[in-house]
Amino acid sequence: RATIRGVDSSPQMLEAAEQYADDHLTFELGDVREWTAEPGSIDVIVTNATLQWVPEQLPLLPGFVKALRPGGWLAIQIPGNGDAPSHAILRELANTEPSAEYAANTSLRPDVPGPAEFVEALSAEGCTVDAWETTYLHVLAGEDPVFTWVSATGARPILQALPDDLRAEFAAQVKRR
């Protein structure tokens, strides 16, 4: 009986999700930095791999908390893989010519606050916080599985910034490394 609304800034992600839409599950294009809800109107807010794309996450938390009903839940998941070898390779190549002209700034991951900063910010909003950090191991299969994985996440802004004639060579370099 729940009503679920998904908000994403990517038209491609929304298009992929639309197959699951029904009377209780809807999707809309939006920017989490501009998202608002009637105070006390929401039972659960989940941000899954969302906030790492936003330069300043902590200022959004008071609005999320205010939107929750008493006893509501806020679940935040942020990948902590910015220092992974795959991401280091992406940054290095994006800052090397000819890619740097187009992608140098896109490869810079915003300074994502750590779990302690989120605990402090949410506690200041009166929340009881249960926070942890976990490393997940993913079994990746298929041709170029690591590239396939990062091309949908960390590499995506870089690949989108590159002109067509540089994108294939960039991808080939990442795959080689």
C-alpha atoms as a PDB file:
ATOM      1  CA  ARG A   1       0.000   0.000   0.000  1.00  0.00           C
ATOM      2  CA  ALA A   2       3.019   2.292   0.028  1.00  0.00           C
ATOM      3  CA  THR A   3       3.353   5.169  -2.362  1.00  0.00           C
ATOM      4  CA  ILE A   4       6.903   5.349  -3.701  1.00  0.00           C
ATOM      5  CA  ARG A   5       8.317   8.220  -5.711  1.00  0.00           C
ATOM      6  CA  GLY A   6      11.724   7.941  -7.354  1.00  0.00           C
ATOM      7  CA  VAL A   7      13.581  11.123  -8.231  1.00  0.00           C
ATOM      8  CA  ASP A   8      16.662  11.131 -10.453  1.00  0.00           C
ATOM      9  CA  SER A   9      18.548  13.713 -12.473  1.00  0.00           C
ATOM     10  CA  SER A  10      19.324  11.247 -15.258  1.00  0.00           C
ATOM     11  CA  PRO A  11      16.731  10.862 -18.024  1.00  0.00           C
ATOM     12  CA  GLN A  12      18.429   7.572 -18.976  1.00  0.00           C
ATOM     13  CA  MET A  13      18.005   6.167 -15.458  1.00  0.00           C
ATOM     14  CA  LEU A  14      14.372   7.242 -15.388  1.00  0.00           C
ATOM     15  CA  GLU A  15      13.761   5.645 -18.759  1.00  0.00           C
ATOM     16  CA  ALA A  16      15.208   2.354 -17.479  1.00  0.00           C
ATOM     17  CA  ALA A  17      13.093   2.537 -14.305  1.00  0.00           C
ATOM     18  CA  GLU A  18       9.834   3.402 -16.045  1.00  0.00           C
ATOM     19  CA  GLN A  19       9.119  -0.271 -16.792  1.00  0.00           C
ATOM     20  CA  TYR A  20       8.464  -0.733 -13.055  1.00  0.00           C
ATOM     21  CA  ALA A  21       6.081   2.226 -12.676  1.00  0.00           C
ATOM     22  CA  ASP A  22       2.506   1.644 -11.585  1.00  0.00           C
ATOM     23  CA  ASP A  23      -0.154   3.349  -9.454  1.00  0.00           C
ATOM     24  CA  HIS A  24       2.059   3.148  -6.347  1.00  0.00           C
ATOM     25  CA  LEU A  25       5.498   3.618  -7.930  1.00  0.00           C
ATOM     26  CA  THR A  26       6.284   6.748  -9.933  1.00  0.00           C
ATOM     27  CA  PHE A  27       9.442   8.387 -11.188  1.00  0.00           C
ATOM     28  CA  GLU A  28      10.283  11.985 -11.915  1.00  0.00           C
ATOM     29  CA  LEU A  29      13.186  14.028 -13.204  1.00  0.00           C
ATOM     30  CA  GLY A  30      14.668  16.231 -10.515  1.00  0.00           C
ATOM     31  CA  ASP A  31      17.725  17.489  -8.694  1.00  0.00           C
ATOM     32  CA  VAL A  32      18.133  16.319  -5.101  1.00  0.00           C
ATOM     33  CA  ARG A  33      19.448  19.791  -4.224  1.00  0.00           C
ATOM     34  CA  GLU A  34      16.066  21.274  -5.178  1.00  0.00           C
ATOM     35  CA  TRP A  35      13.871  18.471  -3.826  1.00  0.00           C
ATOM     36  CA  THR A  36      11.384  19.435  -1.143  1.00  0.00           C
ATOM     37  CA  ALA A  37       8.463  17.768   0.564  1.00  0.00           C
ATOM     38  CA  GLU A  38       5.757  18.858   2.925  1.00  0.00           C
ATOM     39  CA  PRO A  39       7.233  18.787   6.454  1.00  0.00           C
ATOM     40  CA  GLY A  40       6.369  15.569   8.234  1.00  0.00           C
ATOM     41  CA  SER A  41       4.871  13.970   5.133  1.00  0.00           C
ATOM     42  CA  ILE A  42       7.265  11.087   4.396  1.00  0.00           C
ATOM     43  CA  ASP A  43       7.869   7.799   6.203  1.00  0.00           C
ATOM     44  CA  VAL A  44      11.148   6.784   4.560  1.00  0.00           C
ATOM     45  CA  ILE A  45      13.741   8.584   2.434  1.00  0.00           C
ATOM     46  CA  VAL A  46      16.423   6.512   0.722  1.00  0.00           C
ATOM     47  CA  THR A  47      19.349   8.052  -1.125  1.00  0.00           C
ATOM     48  CA  ASN A  48      21.227   5.261  -2.831  1.00  0.00           C
ATOM     49  CA  ALA A  49      24.403   6.294  -4.663  1.00  0.00           C
ATOM     50  CA  THR A  50      22.967   9.794  -4.983  1.00  0.00           C
ATOM     51  CA  LEU A  51      24.766  12.188  -2.693  1.00  0.00           C
ATOM     52  CA  GLN A  52      28.270  11.457  -3.997  1.00  0.00           C
ATOM     53  CA  TRP A  53      27.292  13.351  -7.168  1.00  0.00           C
ATOM     54  CA  VAL A  54      26.417  16.446  -5.121  1.00  0.00           C
ATOM     55  CA  PRO A  55      29.264  18.768  -4.114  1.00  0.00           C
ATOM     56  CA  GLU A  56      27.757  19.648  -0.721  1.00  0.00           C
ATOM     57  CA  GLN A  57      25.775  16.865   0.903  1.00  0.00           C
ATOM     58  CA  LEU A  58      25.490  17.903   4.561  1.00  0.00           C
ATOM     59  CA  PRO A  59      23.393  21.054   3.927  1.00  0.00           C
ATOM     60  CA  LEU A  60      20.692  18.821   2.392  1.00  0.00           C
ATOM     61  CA  LEU A  61      20.193  16.765   5.548  1.00  0.00           C
ATOM     62  CA  PRO A  62      17.994  19.220   7.506  1.00  0.00           C
ATOM     63  CA  GLY A  63      15.474  19.283   4.636  1.00  0.00           C
ATOM     64  CA  PHE A  64      15.398  15.496   4.507  1.00  0.00           C
ATOM     65  CA  VAL A  65      14.874  15.262   8.265  1.00  0.00           C
ATOM     66  CA  LYS A  66      12.100  17.897   8.240  1.00  0.00           C
ATOM     67  CA  ALA A  67      10.261  15.959   5.512  1.00  0.00           C
ATOM     68  CA  LEU A  68      10.086  12.858   7.713  1.00  0.00           C
ATOM     69  CA  ARG A  69       7.137  11.987   9.900  1.00  0.00           C
ATOM     70  CA  PRO A  70       7.939  11.400  13.575  1.00  0.00           C
ATOM     71  CA  GLY A  71       9.636   8.009  13.711  1.00  0.00           C
ATOM     72  CA  GLY A  72      10.529   8.180  10.014  1.00  0.00           C
ATOM     73  CA  TRP A  73      13.695   6.758   8.540  1.00  0.00           C
ATOM     74  CA  LEU A  74      16.460   8.299   6.468  1.00  0.00           C
ATOM     75  CA  ALA A  75      18.781   5.814   4.734  1.00  0.00           C
ATOM     76  CA  ILE A  76      21.867   7.152   2.993  1.00  0.00           C
ATOM     77  CA  GLN A  77      24.281   5.041   0.945  1.00  0.00           C
ATOM     78  CA  ILE A  78      27.391   6.619  -0.538  1.00  0.00           C
ATOM     79  CA  PRO A  79      30.055   4.614  -2.362  1.00  0.00           C
ATOM     80  CA  GLY A  80      33.425   5.014  -0.690  1.00  0.00           C
ATOM     81  CA  ASN A  81      35.487   3.941  -3.683  1.00  0.00           C
ATOM     82  CA  GLY A  82      36.999   7.276  -4.684  1.00  0.00           C
ATOM     83  CA  ASP A  83      40.479   5.974  -3.942  1.00  0.00           C
ATOM     84  CA  ALA A  84      39.986   2.625  -5.713  1.00  0.00           C
ATOM     85  CA  PRO A  85      42.526   1.801  -8.440  1.00  0.00           C
ATOM     86  CA  SER A  86      39.822   2.070 -11.115  1.00  0.00           C
ATOM     87  CA  HIS A  87      38.966   5.605 -10.032  1.00  0.00           C
ATOM     88  CA  ALA A  88      42.626   6.629  -9.736  1.00  0.00           C
ATOM     89  CA  ILE A  89      43.126   5.491 -13.349  1.00  0.00           C
ATOM     90  CA  LEU A  90      40.070   7.473 -14.451  1.00  0.00           C
ATOM     91  CA  ARG A  91      41.348  10.637 -12.754  1.00  0.00           C
ATOM     92  CA  GLU A  92      44.832  10.237 -14.183  1.00  0.00           C
ATOM     93  CA  LEU A  93      43.628   9.712 -17.744  1.00  0.00           C
ATOM     94  CA  ALA A  94      41.019  12.475 -17.512  1.00  0.00           C
ATOM     95  CA  ASN A  95      43.790  14.875 -16.492  1.00  0.00           C
ATOM     96  CA  THR A  96      46.058  13.839 -19.374  1.00  0.00           C
ATOM     97  CA  GLU A  97      45.820  15.393 -22.839  1.00  0.00           C
ATOM     98  CA  PRO A  98      43.894  15.156 -25.061  1.00  0.00           C
ATOM     99  CA  SER A  99      41.176  14.245 -22.535  1.00  0.00           C
ATOM    100  CA  ALA A 100      42.081  16.953 -20.016  1.00  0.00           C
ATOM    101  CA  GLU A 101      40.785  19.708 -22.274  1.00  0.00           C
ATOM    102  CA  TYR A 102      37.274  18.266 -21.938  1.00  0.00           C
ATOM    103  CA  ALA A 103      37.231  16.084 -18.840  1.00  0.00           C
ATOM    104  CA  ALA A 104      39.755  17.298 -16.257  1.00  0.00           C
ATOM    105  CA  ASN A 105      37.130  18.918 -14.028  1.00  0.00           C
ATOM    106  CA  THR A 106      34.625  16.080 -14.415  1.00  0.00           C
ATOM    107  CA  SER A 107      37.013  13.536 -12.939  1.00  0.00           C
ATOM    108  CA  LEU A 108      37.333  15.380  -9.661  1.00  0.00           C
ATOM    109  CA  ARG A 109      35.128  13.682  -7.118  1.00  0.00           C
ATOM    110  CA  PRO A 110      33.581  16.092  -4.639  1.00  0.00           C
ATOM    111  CA  ASP A 111      34.951  15.833  -1.117  1.00  0.00           C
ATOM    112  CA  VAL A 112      32.415  13.377   0.268  1.00  0.00           C
ATOM    113  CA  PRO A 113      32.076  13.664   4.045  1.00  0.00           C
ATOM    114  CA  GLY A 114      32.829  10.488   5.946  1.00  0.00           C
ATOM    115  CA  PRO A 115      30.450   8.582   8.191  1.00  0.00           C
ATOM    116  CA  ALA A 116      31.479  10.607  11.273  1.00  0.00           C
ATOM    117  CA  GLU A 117      30.478  13.885   9.596  1.00  0.00           C
ATOM    118  CA  PHE A 118      27.079  12.450   8.676  1.00  0.00           C
ATOM    119  CA  VAL A 119      26.569  11.187  12.239  1.00  0.00           C
ATOM    120  CA  GLU A 120      27.433  14.619  13.625  1.00  0.00           C
ATOM    121  CA  ALA A 121      25.158  16.475  11.189  1.00  0.00           C
ATOM    122  CA  LEU A 122      22.196  14.142  11.691  1.00  0.00           C
ATOM    123  CA  SER A 123      22.639  14.095  15.473  1.00  0.00           C
ATOM    124  CA  ALA A 124      22.532  17.897  15.410  1.00  0.00           C
ATOM    125  CA  GLU A 125      19.108  17.555  13.729  1.00  0.00           C
ATOM    126  CA  GLY A 126      17.879  15.436  16.651  1.00  0.00           C
ATOM    127  CA  CYS A 127      18.186  12.090  14.881  1.00  0.00           C
ATOM    128  CA  THR A 128      19.153   8.809  16.462  1.00  0.00           C
ATOM    129  CA  VAL A 129      21.845   7.600  14.095  1.00  0.00           C
ATOM    130  CA  ASP A 130      22.931   4.079  13.253  1.00  0.00           C
ATOM    131  CA  ALA A 131      25.918   4.447  10.917  1.00  0.00           C
ATOM    132  CA  TRP A 132      28.483   2.051   9.536  1.00  0.00           C
ATOM    133  CA  GLU A 133      30.954   1.661   6.729  1.00  0.00           C
ATOM    134  CA  THR A 134      31.086  -1.538   4.694  1.00  0.00           C
ATOM    135  CA  THR A 135      33.228  -2.832   1.876  1.00  0.00           C
ATOM    136  CA  TYR A 136      31.328  -4.940  -0.633  1.00  0.00           C
ATOM    137  CA  LEU A 137      33.060  -7.371  -2.923  1.00  0.00           C
ATOM    138  CA  HIS A 138      31.463  -7.632  -6.349  1.00  0.00           C
ATOM    139  CA  VAL A 139      31.954 -10.602  -8.621  1.00  0.00           C
ATOM    140  CA  LEU A 140      32.142  -9.038 -12.060  1.00  0.00           C
ATOM    141  CA  ALA A 141      31.812 -11.149 -15.162  1.00  0.00           C
ATOM    142  CA  GLY A 142      31.820 -10.648 -18.907  1.00  0.00           C
ATOM    143  CA  GLU A 143      34.121  -8.782 -21.218  1.00  0.00           C
ATOM    144  CA  ASP A 144      35.930  -5.876 -19.525  1.00  0.00           C
ATOM    145  CA  PRO A 145      33.833  -6.231 -16.367  1.00  0.00           C
ATOM    146  CA  VAL A 146      35.569  -3.488 -14.380  1.00  0.00           C
ATOM    147  CA  PHE A 147      35.187  -0.996 -17.201  1.00  0.00           C
ATOM    148  CA  THR A 148      31.546  -1.979 -17.632  1.00  0.00           C
ATOM    149  CA  TRP A 149      30.995  -1.377 -13.897  1.00  0.00           C
ATOM    150  CA  VAL A 150      32.752   2.020 -13.713  1.00  0.00           C
ATOM    151  CA  SER A 151      31.366   3.255 -17.033  1.00  0.00           C
ATOM    152  CA  ALA A 152      27.929   3.435 -15.415  1.00  0.00           C
ATOM    153  CA  THR A 153      29.222   5.274 -12.339  1.00  0.00           C
ATOM    154  CA  GLY A 154      32.583   6.953 -11.804  1.00  0.00           C
ATOM    155  CA  ALA A 155      33.554   7.074 -15.480  1.00  0.00           C
ATOM    156  CA  ARG A 156      30.174   8.289 -16.673  1.00  0.00           C
ATOM    157  CA  PRO A 157      30.759  12.062 -16.275  1.00  0.00           C
ATOM    158  CA  ILE A 158      34.141  11.758 -17.978  1.00  0.00           C
ATOM    159  CA  LEU A 159      32.817   9.720 -20.885  1.00  0.00           C
ATOM    160  CA  GLN A 160      29.930  12.159 -21.368  1.00  0.00           C
ATOM    161  CA  ALA A 161      32.300  15.133 -21.396  1.00  0.00           C
ATOM    162  CA  LEU A 162      34.586  13.692 -24.064  1.00  0.00           C
ATOM    163  CA  PRO A 163      33.827  14.275 -27.741  1.00  0.00           C
ATOM    164  CA  ASP A 164      32.940  11.154 -29.715  1.00  0.00           C
ATOM    165  CA  ASP A 165      36.342  10.977 -31.396  1.00  0.00           C
ATOM    166  CA  LEU A 166      38.165  10.766 -28.009  1.00  0.00           C
ATOM    167  CA  ARG A 167      35.714   8.591 -26.075  1.00  0.00           C
ATOM    168  CA  ALA A 168      36.677   5.258 -27.662  1.00  0.00           C
ATOM    169  CA  GLU A 169      40.417   5.785 -27.138  1.00  0.00           C
ATOM    170  CA  PHE A 170      39.843   6.873 -23.530  1.00  0.00           C
ATOM    171  CA  ALA A 171      37.794   3.717 -22.904  1.00  0.00           C
ATOM    172  CA  ALA A 172      40.491   1.568 -24.522  1.00  0.00           C
ATOM    173  CA  GLN A 173      43.166   3.088 -22.255  1.00  0.00           C
ATOM    174  CA  VAL A 174      41.087   2.486 -19.141  1.00  0.00           C
ATOM    175  CA  LYS A 175      40.474  -1.123 -20.188  1.00  0.00           C
ATOM    176  CA  ARG A 176      44.201  -1.708 -20.826  1.00  0.00           C
ATOM    177  CA  ARG A 177      45.122  -0.415 -17.387  1.00  0.00           C
END
